[in-house]
Amino acid sequence: MIIATWNINGIKARLDVLLSWLEGRKPDIACLQEIKSQDEGFPRAAIEALGYHVETHGQKGFNGVALLSKMPPAEVSRGLPGDDGDEQARFIEGVWKIGPRVLRVASIYLPNGNPLGTEKFPYKLGWMARLEAHATRRLRDECDLVLAGDYNIIPEPLDAKSPAAWAGDALFQPESRQVYRRLKGLGLVDAVRSTTDDQTFTFWDYQAGAWQKNNGIRIDHLLLSPEAAERMMSVGVDQHVRGWEKPSDHVPVLVELAN
């Protein structure tokens, strides 16, 4: 079973790219972020034609997350618990029952937090605290759990081509990185980093030839519960997609779990 995460950076602008990737890679579950579409405007027909079930949590013009799956989920929840007043569409979670096992997969679009010195950074940290509390609850279930998405966090200097360039950015602040470490401290496994110490990136800015210079960062992560990590067979980053025509500035990250 292949589970993937991809910040698509606008589903309507990137639909052809997404369809080509789905046809080639054929993930069982694909978690999308930054769909930038309301639920009723999401181009589900073209995706459903490829055999996928579509669940969205959208918002007009920005944010928005989705779950695409070959098998419909048994349950879907929208919105990260802990703040009923938070109207930003950044979290959707599905449950799949596969034989005797329960699989939970969340698509996460964690707040960027920039610029520092504004209300956006405390909102990021507060959102992360809610995610930590939610992960703590879910881990008690001892099920296969995958928290997938654009975390907008560079965990370590290894995860940036030029770490010094990000010193004043919310993605690389000590507070952000500390919460990420706390998530791992709960027992969650960073799929990519658990399988390689090599420098690998998932995002390249559109500006200043970042892709051509490989001036990237790793901010798209798959965090697995111990139960899911035990079933991990392989991990990959589809970096070649960044070179396609009209690409997202992010690329898909994938984990393969044994059935």
Foldseek 3Di string as FASTA:
>chain_A
DKEKEEAQQACVLCVVLVLVCCVVVVGQKYKYWWNQDPPVPHPVVSVVVVQWDKDWQHDHRTIIMIMIHNDDFPDKDFDQPDDPPDNGGFKMKGWHCDPPAIEIEMEGDQQLQPDPPDVSVVVRLVVLVSVLVVLLVVLVVVGKYKYWYQSNAQQDPLQFPDVVVCDNGSNYDPSSNVSVVVSVVSQWDFQVVVVDPHHDAFFADPPDCCLVVVGGGHRTTIIIHPNQVVQWDDKDWPSVSCVDPSGDRGTMIMTDGDD
